[in-house]
Amino acid sequence: MSDKLVEYMLELNSNPEALEAHNLDAESAARNFGLSEEDVSLVVAGDLEEIKKRCDSSPLDTSNAILGFFNQ
């Protein structure tokens, strides 16, 4: 099963327009991507610990892509 939050993080790292939209209004960008209310709350709160935990447990390769997002 895919984790939409992880997909969102990967999208932010690979799509400059998505990152710009996120930086302008993280809540709207996360909702428009289709994140659950719980995940929208994580993004809006900037809960990097929980987001990183989810990314680390994902079968998707997040090893390099996520670092750019966390280092902003």
N, C-alpha and C. Protein backbone atom coordinates (compact mmCIF):
# COMPACT_ATOMS: atom_id res chain seq x y z
N MET A 1 0.83 -1.18 0.00
CA MET A 1 0.00 0.00 0.00
C MET A 1 0.88 1.25 0.00
N SER A 2 0.49 2.20 -0.76
CA SER A 2 1.25 3.43 -0.91
C SER A 2 0.92 4.40 0.22
N ASP A 3 1.92 5.18 0.61
CA ASP A 3 1.73 6.20 1.64
C ASP A 3 1.68 7.56 0.95
N LYS A 4 0.52 8.16 0.93
CA LYS A 4 0.31 9.43 0.22
C LYS A 4 1.20 10.55 0.77
N LEU A 5 1.46 10.54 2.08
CA LEU A 5 2.34 11.55 2.67
C LEU A 5 3.75 11.43 2.10
N VAL A 6 4.24 10.21 1.97
CA VAL A 6 5.57 9.99 1.40
C VAL A 6 5.58 10.44 -0.06
N GLU A 7 4.52 10.12 -0.79
CA GLU A 7 4.43 10.57 -2.18
C GLU A 7 4.46 12.09 -2.26
N TYR A 8 3.80 12.75 -1.32
CA TYR A 8 3.79 14.22 -1.28
C TYR A 8 5.20 14.76 -1.04
N MET A 9 5.93 14.16 -0.11
CA MET A 9 7.30 14.60 0.16
C MET A 9 8.18 14.42 -1.08
N LEU A 10 8.01 13.30 -1.76
CA LEU A 10 8.79 13.06 -2.98
C LEU A 10 8.42 14.07 -4.06
N GLU A 11 7.14 14.39 -4.15
CA GLU A 11 6.68 15.38 -5.14
C GLU A 11 7.30 16.74 -4.85
N LEU A 12 7.37 17.13 -3.58
CA LEU A 12 7.97 18.41 -3.22
C LEU A 12 9.44 18.47 -3.62
N ASN A 13 10.10 17.33 -3.57
CA ASN A 13 11.52 17.28 -3.91
C ASN A 13 11.78 17.21 -5.41
N SER A 14 10.79 16.79 -6.17
CA SER A 14 11.03 16.61 -7.61
C SER A 14 10.31 17.64 -8.47
N ASN A 15 9.41 18.41 -7.88
CA ASN A 15 8.59 19.32 -8.66
C ASN A 15 8.68 20.73 -8.07
N PRO A 16 9.43 21.62 -8.70
CA PRO A 16 9.59 22.98 -8.17
C PRO A 16 8.28 23.74 -8.01
N GLU A 17 7.33 23.50 -8.90
CA GLU A 17 6.03 24.17 -8.79
C GLU A 17 5.27 23.69 -7.55
N ALA A 18 5.35 22.40 -7.28
CA ALA A 18 4.69 21.85 -6.09
C ALA A 18 5.33 22.41 -4.82
N LEU A 19 6.65 22.52 -4.83
CA LEU A 19 7.35 23.08 -3.68
C LEU A 19 6.97 24.54 -3.47
N GLU A 20 6.88 25.29 -4.55
CA GLU A 20 6.48 26.70 -4.45
C GLU A 20 5.06 26.82 -3.87
N ALA A 21 4.15 25.98 -4.37
CA ALA A 21 2.78 26.00 -3.86
C ALA A 21 2.76 25.64 -2.37
N HIS A 22 3.56 24.67 -1.99
CA HIS A 22 3.65 24.27 -0.59
C HIS A 22 4.18 25.42 0.27
N ASN A 23 5.22 26.09 -0.22
CA ASN A 23 5.80 27.19 0.54
C ASN A 23 4.84 28.36 0.68
N LEU A 24 3.99 28.57 -0.32
CA LEU A 24 3.01 29.66 -0.26
C LEU A 24 1.84 29.33 0.67
N ASP A 25 1.37 28.09 0.62
CA ASP A 25 0.22 27.69 1.44
C ASP A 25 0.25 26.17 1.61
N ALA A 26 0.97 25.73 2.63
CA ALA A 26 1.19 24.29 2.85
C ALA A 26 -0.12 23.54 3.03
N GLU A 27 -1.06 24.13 3.74
CA GLU A 27 -2.33 23.44 3.99
C GLU A 27 -3.09 23.18 2.69
N SER A 28 -3.23 24.21 1.87
CA SER A 28 -3.94 24.04 0.60
C SER A 28 -3.22 23.08 -0.32
N ALA A 29 -1.90 23.18 -0.38
CA ALA A 29 -1.12 22.30 -1.25
C ALA A 29 -1.29 20.84 -0.82
N ALA A 30 -1.24 20.60 0.48
CA ALA A 30 -1.38 19.23 0.99
C ALA A 30 -2.79 18.69 0.72
N ARG A 31 -3.79 19.52 0.93
CA ARG A 31 -5.18 19.10 0.66
C ARG A 31 -5.37 18.82 -0.83
N ASN A 32 -4.86 19.71 -1.67
CA ASN A 32 -5.01 19.53 -3.12
C ASN A 32 -4.31 18.28 -3.61
N PHE A 33 -3.26 17.85 -2.92
CA PHE A 33 -2.56 16.62 -3.29
C PHE A 33 -3.36 15.39 -2.88
N GLY A 34 -4.31 15.58 -1.97
CA GLY A 34 -5.17 14.48 -1.54
C GLY A 34 -4.77 13.84 -0.23
N LEU A 35 -4.00 14.55 0.58
CA LEU A 35 -3.62 13.99 1.87
C LEU A 35 -4.81 13.91 2.81
N SER A 36 -4.77 12.94 3.71
CA SER A 36 -5.80 12.82 4.74
C SER A 36 -5.70 14.01 5.69
N GLU A 37 -6.76 14.23 6.46
CA GLU A 37 -6.75 15.34 7.43
C GLU A 37 -5.60 15.18 8.42
N GLU A 38 -5.33 13.96 8.85
CA GLU A 38 -4.23 13.70 9.78
C GLU A 38 -2.89 14.09 9.15
N ASP A 39 -2.70 13.72 7.90
CA ASP A 39 -1.44 14.05 7.23
C ASP A 39 -1.32 15.54 6.93
N VAL A 40 -2.44 16.17 6.59
CA VAL A 40 -2.43 17.63 6.40
C VAL A 40 -1.97 18.29 7.69
N SER A 41 -2.47 17.81 8.81
CA SER A 41 -2.08 18.37 10.11
C SER A 41 -0.59 18.21 10.37
N LEU A 42 -0.03 17.06 10.01
CA LEU A 42 1.41 16.84 10.17
C LEU A 42 2.21 17.83 9.34
N VAL A 43 1.78 18.04 8.11
CA VAL A 43 2.48 18.95 7.21
C VAL A 43 2.38 20.38 7.72
N VAL A 44 1.18 20.80 8.09
CA VAL A 44 0.96 22.18 8.55
C VAL A 44 1.75 22.44 9.84
N ALA A 45 1.78 21.45 10.73
CA ALA A 45 2.51 21.60 11.99
C ALA A 45 4.02 21.52 11.79
N GLY A 46 4.44 21.03 10.61
CA GLY A 46 5.87 20.86 10.36
C GLY A 46 6.48 19.79 11.24
N ASP A 47 5.71 18.72 11.49
CA ASP A 47 6.16 17.62 12.35
C ASP A 47 7.19 16.77 11.59
N LEU A 48 8.40 17.30 11.48
CA LEU A 48 9.43 16.64 10.69
C LEU A 48 9.81 15.28 11.24
N GLU A 49 9.75 15.11 12.55
CA GLU A 49 10.10 13.82 13.14
C GLU A 49 9.14 12.73 12.65
N GLU A 50 7.84 13.00 12.70
CA GLU A 50 6.86 12.01 12.26
C GLU A 50 6.92 11.82 10.74
N ILE A 51 7.09 12.91 10.00
CA ILE A 51 7.19 12.80 8.54
C ILE A 51 8.41 11.97 8.16
N LYS A 52 9.54 12.23 8.79
CA LYS A 52 10.76 11.47 8.50
C LYS A 52 10.58 10.00 8.85
N LYS A 53 9.91 9.73 9.97
CA LYS A 53 9.65 8.35 10.38
C LYS A 53 8.83 7.62 9.30
N ARG A 54 7.82 8.29 8.79
CA ARG A 54 6.98 7.70 7.74
C ARG A 54 7.80 7.47 6.48
N CYS A 55 8.64 8.44 6.13
CA CYS A 55 9.47 8.30 4.93
C CYS A 55 10.46 7.15 5.09
N ASP A 56 11.07 7.06 6.27
CA ASP A 56 12.05 6.00 6.52
C ASP A 56 11.42 4.61 6.48
N SER A 57 10.15 4.50 6.81
CA SER A 57 9.49 3.19 6.83
C SER A 57 8.85 2.84 5.48
N SER A 58 8.93 3.74 4.53
CA SER A 58 8.31 3.52 3.23
C SER A 58 9.16 2.60 2.35
N PRO A 59 8.50 1.78 1.53
CA PRO A 59 9.25 0.97 0.57
C PRO A 59 9.81 1.81 -0.59
N LEU A 60 9.31 3.04 -0.73
CA LEU A 60 9.82 3.93 -1.77
C LEU A 60 11.20 4.44 -1.38
N ASP A 61 12.03 4.72 -2.36
CA ASP A 61 13.38 5.22 -2.08
C ASP A 61 13.30 6.70 -1.74
N THR A 62 13.43 7.00 -0.47
CA THR A 62 13.40 8.38 0.00
C THR A 62 14.77 8.81 0.51
N SER A 63 15.78 8.00 0.30
CA SER A 63 17.09 8.23 0.91
C SER A 63 17.71 9.57 0.56
N ASN A 64 17.62 10.00 -0.67
CA ASN A 64 18.24 11.27 -1.06
C ASN A 64 17.22 12.38 -1.24
N ALA A 65 16.08 12.06 -1.75
CA ALA A 65 15.09 13.08 -2.09
C ALA A 65 14.60 13.85 -0.88
N ILE A 66 14.39 13.19 0.21
CA ILE A 66 13.80 13.84 1.38
C ILE A 66 14.76 14.84 2.01
N LEU A 67 16.04 14.62 1.92
CA LEU A 67 17.00 15.51 2.56
C LEU A 67 16.83 16.95 2.11
N GLY A 68 16.56 17.17 0.86
CA GLY A 68 16.38 18.53 0.36
C GLY A 68 15.20 19.22 1.02
N PHE A 69 14.14 18.49 1.25
CA PHE A 69 12.96 19.08 1.89
C PHE A 69 13.25 19.43 3.34
N PHE A 70 13.93 18.54 4.06
CA PHE A 70 14.20 18.78 5.47
C PHE A 70 15.24 19.87 5.69
N ASN A 71 16.07 20.14 4.70
CA ASN A 71 17.13 21.13 4.86
C ASN A 71 16.74 22.52 4.40
N GLN A 72 15.49 22.75 4.09
CA GLN A 72 15.06 24.08 3.65
C GLN A 72 15.16 25.07 4.77
